[in-house]
Amino acid sequence: MGIPVILGAAGGCAVAVGNFFLMALTVQKVAGIENYDQAYRSMQVSYRYRTFLQLIWCVLCMVLKFINPVAGILPLLWPSLLIKGKGIINGVKN
């Protein structure tokens, strides 16, 4: 295992964890907003910025030679795959 794989995995994990942290902060902030439209817009803006940050990370993984792109992008995919898989399994049980 080389340095590019370690850098990619560490960076990808940091971006994935940061994404969930920012999402949690946004949900906490939105929970206090009584106006539905304003809360919805805040969630949309947060989603847009978080997705954009992940896109920037993916581009950096592809461009920078000292980061392994597979190791950098894979941590971003695991959370959504696991959540979807859990939904499928729970749907089959019911």
N, C-alpha and C. Protein backbone atom coordinates (compact mmCIF):
# COMPACT_ATOMS: atom_id res chain seq x y z
N MET A 1 0.86 -1.17 0.00
CA MET A 1 0.00 0.00 0.00
C MET A 1 0.90 1.23 0.00
N GLY A 2 0.66 2.09 -0.95
CA GLY A 2 1.51 3.26 -1.11
C GLY A 2 0.93 4.50 -0.48
N ILE A 3 1.74 5.53 -0.49
CA ILE A 3 1.35 6.82 0.06
C ILE A 3 0.12 7.40 -0.66
N PRO A 4 0.02 7.29 -2.01
CA PRO A 4 -1.18 7.84 -2.66
C PRO A 4 -2.48 7.20 -2.19
N VAL A 5 -2.44 5.90 -1.89
CA VAL A 5 -3.64 5.22 -1.40
C VAL A 5 -4.00 5.72 0.00
N ILE A 6 -3.01 5.87 0.84
CA ILE A 6 -3.25 6.35 2.20
C ILE A 6 -3.77 7.78 2.19
N LEU A 7 -3.17 8.64 1.36
CA LEU A 7 -3.63 10.02 1.26
C LEU A 7 -5.05 10.09 0.71
N GLY A 8 -5.34 9.28 -0.30
CA GLY A 8 -6.67 9.27 -0.87
C GLY A 8 -7.72 8.80 0.12
N ALA A 9 -7.41 7.71 0.82
CA ALA A 9 -8.36 7.17 1.80
C ALA A 9 -8.58 8.15 2.95
N ALA A 10 -7.51 8.74 3.44
CA ALA A 10 -7.64 9.69 4.55
C ALA A 10 -8.42 10.93 4.12
N GLY A 11 -8.12 11.44 2.95
CA GLY A 11 -8.85 12.61 2.45
C GLY A 11 -10.30 12.29 2.17
N GLY A 12 -10.57 11.15 1.55
CA GLY A 12 -11.94 10.75 1.26
C GLY A 12 -12.75 10.56 2.52
N CYS A 13 -12.15 9.93 3.52
CA CYS A 13 -12.85 9.75 4.80
C CYS A 13 -13.12 11.09 5.47
N ALA A 14 -12.16 12.00 5.40
CA ALA A 14 -12.35 13.33 5.99
C ALA A 14 -13.48 14.08 5.29
N VAL A 15 -13.55 13.98 3.98
CA VAL A 15 -14.62 14.65 3.23
C VAL A 15 -15.97 14.01 3.57
N ALA A 16 -16.03 12.70 3.65
CA ALA A 16 -17.29 12.01 3.97
C ALA A 16 -17.77 12.36 5.38
N VAL A 17 -16.87 12.35 6.34
CA VAL A 17 -17.24 12.69 7.72
C VAL A 17 -17.63 14.16 7.80
N GLY A 18 -16.87 15.02 7.12
CA GLY A 18 -17.21 16.44 7.09
C GLY A 18 -18.58 16.69 6.49
N ASN A 19 -18.92 15.92 5.46
CA ASN A 19 -20.24 16.04 4.84
C ASN A 19 -21.34 15.73 5.84
N PHE A 20 -21.21 14.65 6.59
CA PHE A 20 -22.23 14.30 7.58
C PHE A 20 -22.27 15.30 8.72
N PHE A 21 -21.11 15.83 9.10
CA PHE A 21 -21.07 16.83 10.16
C PHE A 21 -21.81 18.10 9.73
N LEU A 22 -21.53 18.56 8.51
CA LEU A 22 -22.21 19.75 8.01
C LEU A 22 -23.71 19.51 7.84
N MET A 23 -24.07 18.30 7.44
CA MET A 23 -25.49 17.97 7.32
C MET A 23 -26.16 18.01 8.69
N ALA A 24 -25.50 17.48 9.70
CA ALA A 24 -26.06 17.50 11.05
C ALA A 24 -26.22 18.93 11.56
N LEU A 25 -25.24 19.78 11.29
CA LEU A 25 -25.36 21.18 11.70
C LEU A 25 -26.54 21.86 11.01
N THR A 26 -26.70 21.56 9.73
CA THR A 26 -27.81 22.16 8.98
C THR A 26 -29.15 21.69 9.50
N VAL A 27 -29.28 20.41 9.76
CA VAL A 27 -30.55 19.87 10.28
C VAL A 27 -30.85 20.48 11.64
N GLN A 28 -29.83 20.65 12.45
CA GLN A 28 -30.03 21.25 13.77
C GLN A 28 -30.50 22.70 13.62
N LYS A 29 -29.91 23.42 12.67
CA LYS A 29 -30.30 24.81 12.44
C LYS A 29 -31.72 24.88 11.87
N VAL A 30 -32.02 24.02 10.92
CA VAL A 30 -33.33 24.04 10.26
C VAL A 30 -34.44 23.63 11.22
N ALA A 31 -34.13 22.79 12.18
CA ALA A 31 -35.15 22.35 13.13
C ALA A 31 -35.72 23.51 13.93
N GLY A 32 -34.97 24.57 14.06
CA GLY A 32 -35.44 25.73 14.80
C GLY A 32 -36.19 26.75 13.95
N ILE A 33 -36.23 26.55 12.64
CA ILE A 33 -36.90 27.48 11.74
C ILE A 33 -38.37 27.08 11.61
N GLU A 34 -39.26 28.02 11.87
CA GLU A 34 -40.70 27.71 11.81
C GLU A 34 -41.27 27.86 10.41
N ASN A 35 -40.68 28.71 9.58
CA ASN A 35 -41.16 28.91 8.22
C ASN A 35 -40.70 27.75 7.34
N TYR A 36 -41.65 26.98 6.82
CA TYR A 36 -41.33 25.78 6.03
C TYR A 36 -40.49 26.12 4.79
N ASP A 37 -40.88 27.16 4.07
CA ASP A 37 -40.17 27.53 2.83
C ASP A 37 -38.72 27.93 3.11
N GLN A 38 -38.52 28.67 4.17
CA GLN A 38 -37.16 29.09 4.53
C GLN A 38 -36.33 27.87 4.97
N ALA A 39 -36.93 26.97 5.71
CA ALA A 39 -36.22 25.76 6.14
C ALA A 39 -35.86 24.90 4.93
N TYR A 40 -36.80 24.77 4.00
CA TYR A 40 -36.56 23.97 2.79
C TYR A 40 -35.42 24.58 1.96
N ARG A 41 -35.45 25.90 1.82
CA ARG A 41 -34.37 26.57 1.06
C ARG A 41 -33.02 26.39 1.75
N SER A 42 -33.00 26.46 3.06
CA SER A 42 -31.73 26.26 3.79
C SER A 42 -31.18 24.86 3.56
N MET A 43 -32.07 23.86 3.58
CA MET A 43 -31.62 22.49 3.33
C MET A 43 -31.11 22.35 1.89
N GLN A 44 -31.78 22.96 0.93
CA GLN A 44 -31.34 22.90 -0.46
C GLN A 44 -29.98 23.53 -0.65
N VAL A 45 -29.76 24.68 -0.05
CA VAL A 45 -28.48 25.37 -0.17
C VAL A 45 -27.37 24.52 0.46
N SER A 46 -27.66 23.96 1.62
CA SER A 46 -26.67 23.11 2.28
C SER A 46 -26.33 21.90 1.42
N TYR A 47 -27.34 21.26 0.86
CA TYR A 47 -27.12 20.10 0.00
C TYR A 47 -26.28 20.47 -1.21
N ARG A 48 -26.59 21.61 -1.80
CA ARG A 48 -25.85 22.07 -2.98
C ARG A 48 -24.38 22.30 -2.65
N TYR A 49 -24.10 22.99 -1.54
CA TYR A 49 -22.71 23.27 -1.16
C TYR A 49 -21.96 21.98 -0.79
N ARG A 50 -22.63 21.09 -0.08
CA ARG A 50 -21.97 19.84 0.31
C ARG A 50 -21.67 18.97 -0.91
N THR A 51 -22.59 18.93 -1.85
CA THR A 51 -22.35 18.19 -3.09
C THR A 51 -21.23 18.82 -3.89
N PHE A 52 -21.19 20.14 -3.94
CA PHE A 52 -20.12 20.84 -4.65
C PHE A 52 -18.76 20.56 -4.02
N LEU A 53 -18.69 20.53 -2.70
CA LEU A 53 -17.42 20.22 -2.03
C LEU A 53 -16.96 18.79 -2.35
N GLN A 54 -17.90 17.86 -2.41
CA GLN A 54 -17.54 16.48 -2.77
C GLN A 54 -17.06 16.41 -4.22
N LEU A 55 -17.69 17.18 -5.10
CA LEU A 55 -17.27 17.23 -6.49
C LEU A 55 -15.85 17.80 -6.61
N ILE A 56 -15.57 18.84 -5.87
CA ILE A 56 -14.21 19.41 -5.88
C ILE A 56 -13.21 18.36 -5.43
N TRP A 57 -13.54 17.60 -4.38
CA TRP A 57 -12.63 16.55 -3.90
C TRP A 57 -12.41 15.50 -4.98
N CYS A 58 -13.48 15.10 -5.67
CA CYS A 58 -13.34 14.10 -6.74
C CYS A 58 -12.45 14.61 -7.86
N VAL A 59 -12.60 15.87 -8.23
CA VAL A 59 -11.74 16.45 -9.28
C VAL A 59 -10.30 16.49 -8.81
N LEU A 60 -10.08 16.88 -7.56
CA LEU A 60 -8.72 16.89 -7.02
C LEU A 60 -8.11 15.50 -7.03
N CYS A 61 -8.91 14.49 -6.71
CA CYS A 61 -8.42 13.11 -6.73
C CYS A 61 -7.98 12.71 -8.14
N MET A 62 -8.69 13.18 -9.14
CA MET A 62 -8.36 12.83 -10.52
C MET A 62 -7.14 13.60 -11.04
N VAL A 63 -6.99 14.83 -10.58
CA VAL A 63 -5.95 15.71 -11.12
C VAL A 63 -4.61 15.52 -10.40
N LEU A 64 -4.64 15.43 -9.09
CA LEU A 64 -3.41 15.35 -8.31
C LEU A 64 -2.84 13.94 -8.38
N LYS A 65 -1.59 13.85 -8.76
CA LYS A 65 -0.96 12.54 -8.95
C LYS A 65 -0.60 11.84 -7.64
N PHE A 66 -0.50 12.61 -6.56
CA PHE A 66 -0.11 11.99 -5.29
C PHE A 66 -1.30 11.49 -4.48
N ILE A 67 -2.50 11.50 -5.09
CA ILE A 67 -3.70 10.95 -4.45
C ILE A 67 -4.28 9.88 -5.36
N ASN A 68 -4.50 8.71 -4.81
CA ASN A 68 -5.12 7.63 -5.57
C ASN A 68 -6.61 7.93 -5.73
N PRO A 69 -7.11 8.04 -6.97
CA PRO A 69 -8.50 8.43 -7.16
C PRO A 69 -9.52 7.42 -6.61
N VAL A 70 -9.24 6.14 -6.75
CA VAL A 70 -10.19 5.13 -6.25
C VAL A 70 -10.26 5.21 -4.73
N ALA A 71 -9.12 5.29 -4.08
CA ALA A 71 -9.10 5.37 -2.61
C ALA A 71 -9.70 6.69 -2.12
N GLY A 72 -9.63 7.73 -2.93
CA GLY A 72 -10.18 9.02 -2.53
C GLY A 72 -11.68 9.14 -2.72
N ILE A 73 -12.20 8.48 -3.74
CA ILE A 73 -13.63 8.61 -4.07
C ILE A 73 -14.47 7.54 -3.37
N LEU A 74 -13.92 6.37 -3.16
CA LEU A 74 -14.68 5.26 -2.57
C LEU A 74 -15.32 5.59 -1.23
N PRO A 75 -14.64 6.30 -0.31
CA PRO A 75 -15.30 6.62 0.96
C PRO A 75 -16.54 7.50 0.81
N LEU A 76 -16.65 8.22 -0.29
CA LEU A 76 -17.83 9.06 -0.50
C LEU A 76 -19.03 8.23 -0.92
N LEU A 77 -18.79 7.06 -1.49
CA LEU A 77 -19.87 6.22 -1.98
C LEU A 77 -20.43 5.27 -0.93
N TRP A 78 -19.62 4.84 0.03
CA TRP A 78 -20.06 3.85 1.01
C TRP A 78 -21.28 4.26 1.81
N PRO A 79 -21.34 5.48 2.35
CA PRO A 79 -22.52 5.81 3.17
C PRO A 79 -23.84 5.68 2.41
N SER A 80 -23.90 6.20 1.18
CA SER A 80 -25.16 6.12 0.45
C SER A 80 -25.49 4.68 0.05
N LEU A 81 -24.48 3.89 -0.29
CA LEU A 81 -24.73 2.49 -0.62
C LEU A 81 -25.25 1.71 0.58
N LEU A 82 -24.66 1.96 1.73
CA LEU A 82 -25.10 1.26 2.94
C LEU A 82 -26.51 1.68 3.35
N ILE A 83 -26.82 2.97 3.23
CA ILE A 83 -28.15 3.45 3.59
C ILE A 83 -29.19 2.85 2.64
N LYS A 84 -28.89 2.83 1.35
CA LYS A 84 -29.82 2.23 0.39
C LYS A 84 -29.97 0.73 0.62
N GLY A 85 -28.88 0.05 0.91
CA GLY A 85 -28.94 -1.38 1.19
C GLY A 85 -29.77 -1.67 2.43
N LYS A 86 -29.62 -0.85 3.46
CA LYS A 86 -30.41 -1.03 4.67
C LYS A 86 -31.89 -0.81 4.38
N GLY A 87 -32.19 0.16 3.53
CA GLY A 87 -33.59 0.40 3.14
C GLY A 87 -34.17 -0.77 2.38
N ILE A 88 -33.38 -1.37 1.51
CA ILE A 88 -33.84 -2.53 0.75
C ILE A 88 -34.08 -3.71 1.68
N ILE A 89 -33.15 -3.94 2.60
CA ILE A 89 -33.29 -5.06 3.54
C ILE A 89 -34.51 -4.85 4.44
N ASN A 90 -34.70 -3.63 4.93
CA ASN A 90 -35.87 -3.37 5.77
C ASN A 90 -37.16 -3.50 4.97
N GLY A 91 -37.14 -3.13 3.70
CA GLY A 91 -38.31 -3.28 2.85
C GLY A 91 -38.68 -4.72 2.61
N VAL A 92 -37.66 -5.59 2.49
CA VAL A 92 -37.90 -7.01 2.27
C VAL A 92 -38.45 -7.65 3.55
N LYS A 93 -37.99 -7.22 4.72
CA LYS A 93 -38.47 -7.79 5.98
C LYS A 93 -39.94 -7.47 6.20
N ASN A 94 -40.38 -6.31 5.75
CA ASN A 94 -41.78 -5.91 5.98
C ASN A 94 -42.60 -6.53 4.93
